[in-house]
Amino acid sequence: MASSKAYLEFILEQLSELEGISYRPMMGEFLIYYNGKIVGGIYDDRFLVKPVKAAREMMPDAEPEAPYEDAKEMLLVNRIEDRDFLCELLEAMYDELPLPKKRKK
């Protein structure tokens, strides 16, 4: 099941206080970027983030879930209605996220 554009727009609105939020469509789903780093994505209308230490600390009860079959597990964000929490979460995660890989041409 692909994610809806409406769910993407809701998450982007919740993150609108942060500068540098962008997304990229990927096979019916959406990757979410913060200042050029992938923080997670929207998969089957679920907002999942990378399981870095800061995310695990801020969401100790978060269920690890695979975004799709045979993928590495990510953390399900349940507090999507809490705009302040979402912004704090991404800011806390930022330093732990890897830099994007250079694309070969």
PDB file of N, CA and C in Angstrom:
ATOM      1  N   MET A   1       0.835  -1.177   0.000  1.00  0.00           N
ATOM      2  CA  MET A   1       0.000   0.000   0.000  1.00  0.00           C
ATOM      3  C   MET A   1       0.882   1.243   0.000  1.00  0.00           C
ATOM      4  N   ALA A   2       0.713   2.112  -0.920  1.00  0.00           N
ATOM      5  CA  ALA A   2       1.481   3.348  -0.995  1.00  0.00           C
ATOM      6  C   ALA A   2       0.922   4.373  -0.005  1.00  0.00           C
ATOM      7  N   SER A   3       1.772   5.294   0.388  1.00  0.00           N
ATOM      8  CA  SER A   3       1.351   6.352   1.298  1.00  0.00           C
ATOM      9  C   SER A   3       0.591   7.437   0.541  1.00  0.00           C
ATOM     10  N   SER A   4      -0.302   8.090   1.254  1.00  0.00           N
ATOM     11  CA  SER A   4      -1.102   9.133   0.622  1.00  0.00           C
ATOM     12  C   SER A   4      -0.384  10.477   0.664  1.00  0.00           C
ATOM     13  N   LYS A   5      -0.658  11.279  -0.332  1.00  0.00           N
ATOM     14  CA  LYS A   5      -0.110  12.637  -0.383  1.00  0.00           C
ATOM     15  C   LYS A   5      -0.652  13.460   0.788  1.00  0.00           C
ATOM     16  N   ALA A   6      -1.866  13.173   1.221  1.00  0.00           N
ATOM     17  CA  ALA A   6      -2.467  13.890   2.347  1.00  0.00           C
ATOM     18  C   ALA A   6      -1.688  13.639   3.641  1.00  0.00           C
ATOM     19  N   TYR A   7      -1.256  12.403   3.863  1.00  0.00           N
ATOM     20  CA  TYR A   7      -0.472  12.092   5.069  1.00  0.00           C
ATOM     21  C   TYR A   7       0.872  12.800   5.002  1.00  0.00           C
ATOM     22  N   LEU A   8       1.509  12.773   3.845  1.00  0.00           N
ATOM     23  CA  LEU A   8       2.774  13.490   3.658  1.00  0.00           C
ATOM     24  C   LEU A   8       2.585  14.973   3.984  1.00  0.00           C
ATOM     25  N   GLU A   9       1.553  15.583   3.438  1.00  0.00           N
ATOM     26  CA  GLU A   9       1.310  17.005   3.663  1.00  0.00           C
ATOM     27  C   GLU A   9       1.067  17.302   5.140  1.00  0.00           C
ATOM     28  N   PHE A  10       0.394  16.389   5.849  1.00  0.00           N
ATOM     29  CA  PHE A  10       0.173  16.562   7.283  1.00  0.00           C
ATOM     30  C   PHE A  10       1.503  16.568   8.029  1.00  0.00           C
ATOM     31  N   ILE A  11       2.365  15.601   7.740  1.00  0.00           N
ATOM     32  CA  ILE A  11       3.664  15.527   8.415  1.00  0.00           C
ATOM     33  C   ILE A  11       4.503  16.755   8.075  1.00  0.00           C
ATOM     34  N   LEU A  12       4.518  17.173   6.821  1.00  0.00           N
ATOM     35  CA  LEU A  12       5.281  18.363   6.438  1.00  0.00           C
ATOM     36  C   LEU A  12       4.751  19.604   7.158  1.00  0.00           C
ATOM     37  N   GLU A  13       3.450  19.706   7.319  1.00  0.00           N
ATOM     38  CA  GLU A  13       2.871  20.833   8.059  1.00  0.00           C
ATOM     39  C   GLU A  13       3.302  20.789   9.523  1.00  0.00           C
ATOM     40  N   GLN A  14       3.318  19.597  10.108  1.00  0.00           N
ATOM     41  CA  GLN A  14       3.742  19.459  11.500  1.00  0.00           C
ATOM     42  C   GLN A  14       5.206  19.880  11.678  1.00  0.00           C
ATOM     43  N   LEU A  15       6.016  19.692  10.652  1.00  0.00           N
ATOM     44  CA  LEU A  15       7.448  20.016  10.708  1.00  0.00           C
ATOM     45  C   LEU A  15       7.766  21.396  10.134  1.00  0.00           C
ATOM     46  N   SER A  16       6.735  22.175   9.833  1.00  0.00           N
ATOM     47  CA  SER A  16       6.937  23.436   9.118  1.00  0.00           C
ATOM     48  C   SER A  16       7.727  24.486   9.906  1.00  0.00           C
ATOM     49  N   GLU A  17       7.849  24.331  11.210  1.00  0.00           N
ATOM     50  CA  GLU A  17       8.643  25.278  12.000  1.00  0.00           C
ATOM     51  C   GLU A  17      10.144  25.090  11.781  1.00  0.00           C
ATOM     52  N   LEU A  18      10.540  23.936  11.258  1.00  0.00           N
ATOM     53  CA  LEU A  18      11.952  23.668  10.985  1.00  0.00           C
ATOM     54  C   LEU A  18      12.297  24.090   9.562  1.00  0.00           C
ATOM     55  N   GLU A  19      13.390  24.796   9.415  1.00  0.00           N
ATOM     56  CA  GLU A  19      13.881  25.100   8.074  1.00  0.00           C
ATOM     57  C   GLU A  19      14.679  23.902   7.590  1.00  0.00           C
ATOM     58  N   GLY A  20      14.658  23.661   6.302  1.00  0.00           N
ATOM     59  CA  GLY A  20      15.466  22.581   5.752  1.00  0.00           C
ATOM     60  C   GLY A  20      14.764  21.242   5.649  1.00  0.00           C
ATOM     61  N   ILE A  21      13.443  21.220   5.807  1.00  0.00           N
ATOM     62  CA  ILE A  21      12.695  19.972   5.637  1.00  0.00           C
ATOM     63  C   ILE A  21      12.377  19.805   4.151  1.00  0.00           C
ATOM     64  N   SER A  22      12.649  18.623   3.640  1.00  0.00           N
ATOM     65  CA  SER A  22      12.303  18.313   2.263  1.00  0.00           C
ATOM     66  C   SER A  22      11.933  16.841   2.182  1.00  0.00           C
ATOM     67  N   TYR A  23      11.467  16.445   1.020  1.00  0.00           N
ATOM     68  CA  TYR A  23      11.096  15.039   0.835  1.00  0.00           C
ATOM     69  C   TYR A  23      11.401  14.626  -0.590  1.00  0.00           C
ATOM     70  N   ARG A  24      11.460  13.319  -0.782  1.00  0.00           N
ATOM     71  CA  ARG A  24      11.658  12.756  -2.116  1.00  0.00           C
ATOM     72  C   ARG A  24      10.753  11.539  -2.245  1.00  0.00           C
ATOM     73  N   PRO A  25       9.932  11.501  -3.297  1.00  0.00           N
ATOM     74  CA  PRO A  25       9.110  10.309  -3.511  1.00  0.00           C
ATOM     75  C   PRO A  25      10.001   9.117  -3.867  1.00  0.00           C
ATOM     76  N   MET A  26       9.647   7.961  -3.335  1.00  0.00           N
ATOM     77  CA  MET A  26      10.429   6.754  -3.578  1.00  0.00           C
ATOM     78  C   MET A  26       9.503   5.549  -3.617  1.00  0.00           C
ATOM     79  N   MET A  27       9.175   5.083  -4.805  1.00  0.00           N
ATOM     80  CA  MET A  27       8.370   3.881  -5.011  1.00  0.00           C
ATOM     81  C   MET A  27       7.051   3.907  -4.225  1.00  0.00           C
ATOM     82  N   GLY A  28       6.322   5.010  -4.319  1.00  0.00           N
ATOM     83  CA  GLY A  28       5.032   5.120  -3.652  1.00  0.00           C
ATOM     84  C   GLY A  28       5.114   5.568  -2.208  1.00  0.00           C
ATOM     85  N   GLU A  29       6.311   5.737  -1.703  1.00  0.00           N
ATOM     86  CA  GLU A  29       6.512   6.207  -0.335  1.00  0.00           C
ATOM     87  C   GLU A  29       7.291   7.516  -0.405  1.00  0.00           C
ATOM     88  N   PHE A  30       7.693   8.067   0.766  1.00  0.00           N
ATOM     89  CA  PHE A  30       8.387   9.349   0.782  1.00  0.00           C
ATOM     90  C   PHE A  30       9.530   9.330   1.782  1.00  0.00           C
ATOM     91  N   LEU A  31      10.722   9.705   1.333  1.00  0.00           N
ATOM     92  CA  LEU A  31      11.852   9.891   2.234  1.00  0.00           C
ATOM     93  C   LEU A  31      11.794  11.312   2.758  1.00  0.00           C
ATOM     94  N   ILE A  32      12.059  11.478   4.054  1.00  0.00           N
ATOM     95  CA  ILE A  32      12.030  12.794   4.686  1.00  0.00           C
ATOM     96  C   ILE A  32      13.466  13.201   5.028  1.00  0.00           C
ATOM     97  N   TYR A  33      13.823  14.416   4.626  1.00  0.00           N
ATOM     98  CA  TYR A  33      15.165  14.953   4.838  1.00  0.00           C
ATOM     99  C   TYR A  33      15.103  16.164   5.754  1.00  0.00           C
ATOM    100  N   TYR A  34      16.146  16.322   6.561  1.00  0.00           N
ATOM    101  CA  TYR A  34      16.320  17.517   7.381  1.00  0.00           C
ATOM    102  C   TYR A  34      17.711  18.046   7.085  1.00  0.00           C
ATOM    103  N   ASN A  35      17.782  19.217   6.478  1.00  0.00           N
ATOM    104  CA  ASN A  35      19.047  19.824   6.067  1.00  0.00           C
ATOM    105  C   ASN A  35      19.926  18.838   5.302  1.00  0.00           C
ATOM    106  N   GLY A  36      19.315  18.127   4.385  1.00  0.00           N
ATOM    107  CA  GLY A  36      20.048  17.233   3.501  1.00  0.00           C
ATOM    108  C   GLY A  36      20.306  15.836   4.021  1.00  0.00           C
ATOM    109  N   LYS A  37      19.983  15.570   5.274  1.00  0.00           N
ATOM    110  CA  LYS A  37      20.185  14.235   5.849  1.00  0.00           C
ATOM    111  C   LYS A  37      18.842  13.509   5.933  1.00  0.00           C
ATOM    112  N   ILE A  38      18.842  12.220   5.608  1.00  0.00           N
ATOM    113  CA  ILE A  38      17.613  11.428   5.722  1.00  0.00           C
ATOM    114  C   ILE A  38      17.346  11.135   7.193  1.00  0.00           C
ATOM    115  N   VAL A  39      16.179  11.576   7.672  1.00  0.00           N
ATOM    116  CA  VAL A  39      15.794  11.300   9.057  1.00  0.00           C
ATOM    117  C   VAL A  39      14.872  10.096   9.136  1.00  0.00           C
ATOM    118  N   GLY A  40      14.195   9.808   8.049  1.00  0.00           N
ATOM    119  CA  GLY A  40      13.253   8.693   8.038  1.00  0.00           C
ATOM    120  C   GLY A  40      12.385   8.776   6.807  1.00  0.00           C
ATOM    121  N   GLY A  41      11.151   8.335   6.966  1.00  0.00           N
ATOM    122  CA  GLY A  41      10.267   8.356   5.817  1.00  0.00           C
ATOM    123  C   GLY A  41       8.840   8.047   6.192  1.00  0.00           C
ATOM    124  N   ILE A  42       8.007   8.162   5.195  1.00  0.00           N
ATOM    125  CA  ILE A  42       6.595   7.821   5.341  1.00  0.00           C
ATOM    126  C   ILE A  42       6.363   6.556   4.531  1.00  0.00           C
ATOM    127  N   TYR A  43       5.948   5.520   5.236  1.00  0.00           N
ATOM    128  CA  TYR A  43       5.738   4.200   4.641  1.00  0.00           C
ATOM    129  C   TYR A  43       4.365   3.703   5.069  1.00  0.00           C
ATOM    130  N   ASP A  44       3.508   3.405   4.121  1.00  0.00           N
ATOM    131  CA  ASP A  44       2.155   2.930   4.421  1.00  0.00           C
ATOM    132  C   ASP A  44       1.456   3.855   5.414  1.00  0.00           C
ATOM    133  N   ASP A  45       1.583   5.160   5.189  1.00  0.00           N
ATOM    134  CA  ASP A  45       0.995   6.179   6.060  1.00  0.00           C
ATOM    135  C   ASP A  45       1.430   6.028   7.518  1.00  0.00           C
ATOM    136  N   ARG A  46       2.691   5.716   7.696  1.00  0.00           N
ATOM    137  CA  ARG A  46       3.321   5.674   9.022  1.00  0.00           C
ATOM    138  C   ARG A  46       4.589   6.523   8.924  1.00  0.00           C
ATOM    139  N   PHE A  47       4.859   7.357   9.927  1.00  0.00           N
ATOM    140  CA  PHE A  47       6.087   8.134   9.966  1.00  0.00           C
ATOM    141  C   PHE A  47       7.108   7.349  10.776  1.00  0.00           C
ATOM    142  N   LEU A  48       8.146   6.878  10.097  1.00  0.00           N
ATOM    143  CA  LEU A  48       9.204   6.099  10.728  1.00  0.00           C
ATOM    144  C   LEU A  48      10.502   6.890  10.663  1.00  0.00           C
ATOM    145  N   VAL A  49      11.297   6.834  11.742  1.00  0.00           N
ATOM    146  CA  VAL A  49      12.584   7.519  11.769  1.00  0.00           C
ATOM    147  C   VAL A  49      13.701   6.515  12.037  1.00  0.00           C
ATOM    148  N   LYS A  50      14.912   6.941  11.671  1.00  0.00           N
ATOM    149  CA  LYS A  50      16.072   6.086  11.901  1.00  0.00           C
ATOM    150  C   LYS A  50      16.254   5.877  13.402  1.00  0.00           C
ATOM    151  N   PRO A  51      16.670   4.677  13.799  1.00  0.00           N
ATOM    152  CA  PRO A  51      16.757   4.359  15.226  1.00  0.00           C
ATOM    153  C   PRO A  51      18.068   4.822  15.877  1.00  0.00           C
ATOM    154  N   VAL A  52      18.403   6.094  15.730  1.00  0.00           N
ATOM    155  CA  VAL A  52      19.607   6.625  16.358  1.00  0.00           C
ATOM    156  C   VAL A  52      19.350   6.795  17.855  1.00  0.00           C
ATOM    157  N   LYS A  53      20.425   6.969  18.617  1.00  0.00           N
ATOM    158  CA  LYS A  53      20.330   7.040  20.071  1.00  0.00           C
ATOM    159  C   LYS A  53      19.334   8.105  20.542  1.00  0.00           C
ATOM    160  N   ALA A  54      19.400   9.291  19.969  1.00  0.00           N
ATOM    161  CA  ALA A  54      18.503  10.371  20.392  1.00  0.00           C
ATOM    162  C   ALA A  54      17.038   9.993  20.188  1.00  0.00           C
ATOM    163  N   ALA A  55      16.728   9.356  19.090  1.00  0.00           N
ATOM    164  CA  ALA A  55      15.344   8.942  18.826  1.00  0.00           C
ATOM    165  C   ALA A  55      14.899   7.878  19.829  1.00  0.00           C
ATOM    166  N   ARG A  56      15.777   6.930  20.130  1.00  0.00           N
ATOM    167  CA  ARG A  56      15.420   5.888  21.108  1.00  0.00           C
ATOM    168  C   ARG A  56      15.215   6.495  22.494  1.00  0.00           C
ATOM    169  N   GLU A  57      16.032   7.506  22.840  1.00  0.00           N
ATOM    170  CA  GLU A  57      15.891   8.146  24.145  1.00  0.00           C
ATOM    171  C   GLU A  57      14.603   8.962  24.240  1.00  0.00           C
ATOM    172  N   MET A  58      14.242   9.645  23.162  1.00  0.00           N
ATOM    173  CA  MET A  58      13.035  10.471  23.189  1.00  0.00           C
ATOM    174  C   MET A  58      11.755   9.657  23.041  1.00  0.00           C
ATOM    175  N   MET A  59      11.883   8.442  22.495  1.00  0.00           N
ATOM    176  CA  MET A  59      10.708   7.574  22.303  1.00  0.00           C
ATOM    177  C   MET A  59      11.043   6.171  22.824  1.00  0.00           C
ATOM    178  N   PRO A  60      11.226   6.038  24.147  1.00  0.00           N
ATOM    179  CA  PRO A  60      11.651   4.738  24.690  1.00  0.00           C
ATOM    180  C   PRO A  60      10.662   3.602  24.449  1.00  0.00           C
ATOM    181  N   ASP A  61       9.400   3.929  24.239  1.00  0.00           N
ATOM    182  CA  ASP A  61       8.384   2.901  24.015  1.00  0.00           C
ATOM    183  C   ASP A  61       8.079   2.684  22.535  1.00  0.00           C
ATOM    184  N   ALA A  62       8.828   3.333  21.660  1.00  0.00           N
ATOM    185  CA  ALA A  62       8.560   3.219  20.216  1.00  0.00           C
ATOM    186  C   ALA A  62       8.807   1.790  19.743  1.00  0.00           C
ATOM    187  N   GLU A  63       7.898   1.324  18.931  1.00  0.00           N
ATOM    188  CA  GLU A  63       8.000  -0.016  18.377  1.00  0.00           C
ATOM    189  C   GLU A  63       8.890  -0.009  17.137  1.00  0.00           C
ATOM    190  N   PRO A  64       9.917  -0.856  17.099  1.00  0.00           N
ATOM    191  CA  PRO A  64      10.695  -0.973  15.860  1.00  0.00           C
ATOM    192  C   PRO A  64       9.844  -1.649  14.787  1.00  0.00           C
ATOM    193  N   GLU A  65       9.843  -1.067  13.617  1.00  0.00           N
ATOM    194  CA  GLU A  65       9.057  -1.612  12.508  1.00  0.00           C
ATOM    195  C   GLU A  65       9.862  -1.524  11.228  1.00  0.00           C
ATOM    196  N   ALA A  66       9.702  -2.507  10.387  1.00  0.00           N
ATOM    197  CA  ALA A  66      10.345  -2.475   9.077  1.00  0.00           C
ATOM    198  C   ALA A  66       9.469  -1.652   8.138  1.00  0.00           C
ATOM    199  N   PRO A  67      10.065  -0.704   7.418  1.00  0.00           N
ATOM    200  CA  PRO A  67       9.264   0.096   6.494  1.00  0.00           C
ATOM    201  C   PRO A  67       8.694  -0.724   5.342  1.00  0.00           C
ATOM    202  N   TYR A  68       9.408  -1.768   4.967  1.00  0.00           N
ATOM    203  CA  TYR A  68       8.964  -2.687   3.915  1.00  0.00           C
ATOM    204  C   TYR A  68       9.713  -3.994   4.129  1.00  0.00           C
ATOM    205  N   GLU A  69       9.316  -5.023   3.446  1.00  0.00           N
ATOM    206  CA  GLU A  69       9.880  -6.350   3.625  1.00  0.00           C
ATOM    207  C   GLU A  69      11.398  -6.348   3.441  1.00  0.00           C
ATOM    208  N   ASP A  70      12.101  -7.002   4.347  1.00  0.00           N
ATOM    209  CA  ASP A  70      13.555  -7.165   4.330  1.00  0.00           C
ATOM    210  C   ASP A  70      14.327  -5.861   4.530  1.00  0.00           C
ATOM    211  N   ALA A  71      13.694  -4.827   5.049  1.00  0.00           N
ATOM    212  CA  ALA A  71      14.368  -3.558   5.321  1.00  0.00           C
ATOM    213  C   ALA A  71      14.833  -3.520   6.775  1.00  0.00           C
ATOM    214  N   LYS A  72      15.803  -2.660   7.051  1.00  0.00           N
ATOM    215  CA  LYS A  72      16.236  -2.444   8.431  1.00  0.00           C
ATOM    216  C   LYS A  72      15.092  -1.794   9.198  1.00  0.00           C
ATOM    217  N   GLU A  73      14.972  -2.178  10.471  1.00  0.00           N
ATOM    218  CA  GLU A  73      13.891  -1.624  11.278  1.00  0.00           C
ATOM    219  C   GLU A  73      14.138  -0.160  11.598  1.00  0.00           C
ATOM    220  N   MET A  74      13.048   0.562  11.702  1.00  0.00           N
ATOM    221  CA  MET A  74      13.056   1.971  12.065  1.00  0.00           C
ATOM    222  C   MET A  74      12.095   2.126  13.236  1.00  0.00           C
ATOM    223  N   LEU A  75      12.014   3.334  13.787  1.00  0.00           N
ATOM    224  CA  LEU A  75      11.123   3.574  14.923  1.00  0.00           C
ATOM    225  C   LEU A  75       9.852   4.283  14.467  1.00  0.00           C
ATOM    226  N   LEU A  76       8.719   3.764  14.900  1.00  0.00           N
ATOM    227  CA  LEU A  76       7.425   4.353  14.583  1.00  0.00           C
ATOM    228  C   LEU A  76       7.187   5.554  15.496  1.00  0.00           C
ATOM    229  N   VAL A  77       6.884   6.693  14.888  1.00  0.00           N
ATOM    230  CA  VAL A  77       6.587   7.911  15.649  1.00  0.00           C
ATOM    231  C   VAL A  77       5.075   7.950  15.873  1.00  0.00           C
ATOM    232  N   ASN A  78       4.671   7.834  17.135  1.00  0.00           N
ATOM    233  CA  ASN A  78       3.249   7.827  17.469  1.00  0.00           C
ATOM    234  C   ASN A  78       2.708   9.218  17.786  1.00  0.00           C
ATOM    235  N   ARG A  79       3.581  10.146  18.158  1.00  0.00           N
ATOM    236  CA  ARG A  79       3.129  11.479  18.596  1.00  0.00           C
ATOM    237  C   ARG A  79       3.140  12.463  17.432  1.00  0.00           C
ATOM    238  N   ILE A  80       2.531  12.091  16.326  1.00  0.00           N
ATOM    239  CA  ILE A  80       2.576  12.949  15.145  1.00  0.00           C
ATOM    240  C   ILE A  80       1.713  14.202  15.294  1.00  0.00           C
ATOM    241  N   GLU A  81       0.777  14.214  16.250  1.00  0.00           N
ATOM    242  CA  GLU A  81      -0.046  15.402  16.460  1.00  0.00           C
ATOM    243  C   GLU A  81       0.699  16.470  17.251  1.00  0.00           C
ATOM    244  N   ASP A  82       1.805  16.096  17.900  1.00  0.00           N
ATOM    245  CA  ASP A  82       2.575  16.996  18.750  1.00  0.00           C
ATOM    246  C   ASP A  82       3.686  17.652  17.926  1.00  0.00           C
ATOM    247  N   ARG A  83       3.368  18.802  17.370  1.00  0.00           N
ATOM    248  CA  ARG A  83       4.286  19.536  16.482  1.00  0.00           C
ATOM    249  C   ARG A  83       5.624  19.836  17.174  1.00  0.00           C
ATOM    250  N   ASP A  84       5.571  20.305  18.426  1.00  0.00           N
ATOM    251  CA  ASP A  84       6.804  20.647  19.144  1.00  0.00           C
ATOM    252  C   ASP A  84       7.684  19.414  19.332  1.00  0.00           C
ATOM    253  N   PHE A  85       7.070  18.297  19.704  1.00  0.00           N
ATOM    254  CA  PHE A  85       7.820  17.059  19.888  1.00  0.00           C
ATOM    255  C   PHE A  85       8.503  16.634  18.591  1.00  0.00           C
ATOM    256  N   LEU A  86       7.788  16.678  17.472  1.00  0.00           N
ATOM    257  CA  LEU A  86       8.371  16.261  16.191  1.00  0.00           C
ATOM    258  C   LEU A  86       9.581  17.118  15.827  1.00  0.00           C
ATOM    259  N   CYS A  87       9.469  18.416  16.022  1.00  0.00           N
ATOM    260  CA  CYS A  87      10.595  19.302  15.711  1.00  0.00           C
ATOM    261  C   CYS A  87      11.782  19.021  16.633  1.00  0.00           C
ATOM    262  N   GLU A  88      11.520  18.840  17.924  1.00  0.00           N
ATOM    263  CA  GLU A  88      12.581  18.512  18.876  1.00  0.00           C
ATOM    264  C   GLU A  88      13.235  17.179  18.520  1.00  0.00           C
ATOM    265  N   LEU A  89      12.439  16.221  18.107  1.00  0.00           N
ATOM    266  CA  LEU A  89      12.952  14.907  17.742  1.00  0.00           C
ATOM    267  C   LEU A  89      13.947  15.014  16.589  1.00  0.00           C
ATOM    268  N   LEU A  90      13.568  15.692  15.532  1.00  0.00           N
ATOM    269  CA  LEU A  90      14.453  15.814  14.376  1.00  0.00           C
ATOM    270  C   LEU A  90      15.709  16.602  14.714  1.00  0.00           C
ATOM    271  N   GLU A  91      15.566  17.652  15.510  1.00  0.00           N
ATOM    272  CA  GLU A  91      16.741  18.428  15.914  1.00  0.00           C
ATOM    273  C   GLU A  91      17.694  17.575  16.752  1.00  0.00           C
ATOM    274  N   ALA A  92      17.154  16.765  17.654  1.00  0.00           N
ATOM    275  CA  ALA A  92      17.982  15.906  18.499  1.00  0.00           C
ATOM    276  C   ALA A  92      18.692  14.830  17.681  1.00  0.00           C
ATOM    277  N   MET A  93      18.046  14.341  16.655  1.00  0.00           N
ATOM    278  CA  MET A  93      18.605  13.268  15.831  1.00  0.00           C
ATOM    279  C   MET A  93      19.694  13.755  14.878  1.00  0.00           C
ATOM    280  N   TYR A  94      19.644  15.006  14.489  1.00  0.00           N
ATOM    281  CA  TYR A  94      20.428  15.524  13.363  1.00  0.00           C
ATOM    282  C   TYR A  94      21.919  15.178  13.422  1.00  0.00           C
ATOM    283  N   ASP A  95      22.570  15.435  14.546  1.00  0.00           N
ATOM    284  CA  ASP A  95      24.024  15.210  14.623  1.00  0.00           C
ATOM    285  C   ASP A  95      24.405  13.742  14.487  1.00  0.00           C
ATOM    286  N   GLU A  96      23.504  12.844  14.807  1.00  0.00           N
ATOM    287  CA  GLU A  96      23.793  11.409  14.724  1.00  0.00           C
ATOM    288  C   GLU A  96      23.555  10.819  13.333  1.00  0.00           C
ATOM    289  N   LEU A  97      22.905  11.573  12.475  1.00  0.00           N
ATOM    290  CA  LEU A  97      22.572  11.052  11.142  1.00  0.00           C
ATOM    291  C   LEU A  97      23.771  11.168  10.214  1.00  0.00           C
ATOM    292  N   PRO A  98      23.973  10.167   9.366  1.00  0.00           N
ATOM    293  CA  PRO A  98      25.105  10.225   8.435  1.00  0.00           C
ATOM    294  C   PRO A  98      24.882  11.250   7.335  1.00  0.00           C
ATOM    295  N   LEU A  99      25.967  11.760   6.815  1.00  0.00           N
ATOM    296  CA  LEU A  99      25.889  12.642   5.656  1.00  0.00           C
ATOM    297  C   LEU A  99      25.423  11.830   4.458  1.00  0.00           C
ATOM    298  N   PRO A 100      24.728  12.461   3.534  1.00  0.00           N
ATOM    299  CA  PRO A 100      24.279  11.725   2.344  1.00  0.00           C
ATOM    300  C   PRO A 100      25.472  11.238   1.529  1.00  0.00           C
ATOM    301  N   LYS A 101      25.293  10.088   0.904  1.00  0.00           N
ATOM    302  CA  LYS A 101      26.335   9.526   0.049  1.00  0.00           C
ATOM    303  C   LYS A 101      26.379  10.301  -1.260  1.00  0.00           C
ATOM    304  N   LYS A 102      27.562  10.451  -1.794  1.00  0.00           N
ATOM    305  CA  LYS A 102      27.719  11.125  -3.088  1.00  0.00           C
ATOM    306  C   LYS A 102      27.163  10.217  -4.169  1.00  0.00           C
ATOM    307  N   ARG A 103      26.398  10.800  -5.083  1.00  0.00           N
ATOM    308  CA  ARG A 103      25.833  10.023  -6.190  1.00  0.00           C
ATOM    309  C   ARG A 103      26.859   9.931  -7.313  1.00  0.00           C
ATOM    310  N   LYS A 104      26.953   8.745  -7.880  1.00  0.00           N
ATOM    311  CA  LYS A 104      27.835   8.555  -9.042  1.00  0.00           C
ATOM    312  C   LYS A 104      27.105   9.000 -10.288  1.00  0.00           C
ATOM    313  N   LYS A 105      27.837   9.643 -11.173  1.00  0.00           N
ATOM    314  CA  LYS A 105      27.220  10.110 -12.428  1.00  0.00           C
ATOM    315  C   LYS A 105      27.606   9.225 -13.583  1.00  0.00           C
TER     316      LYS A 105
END
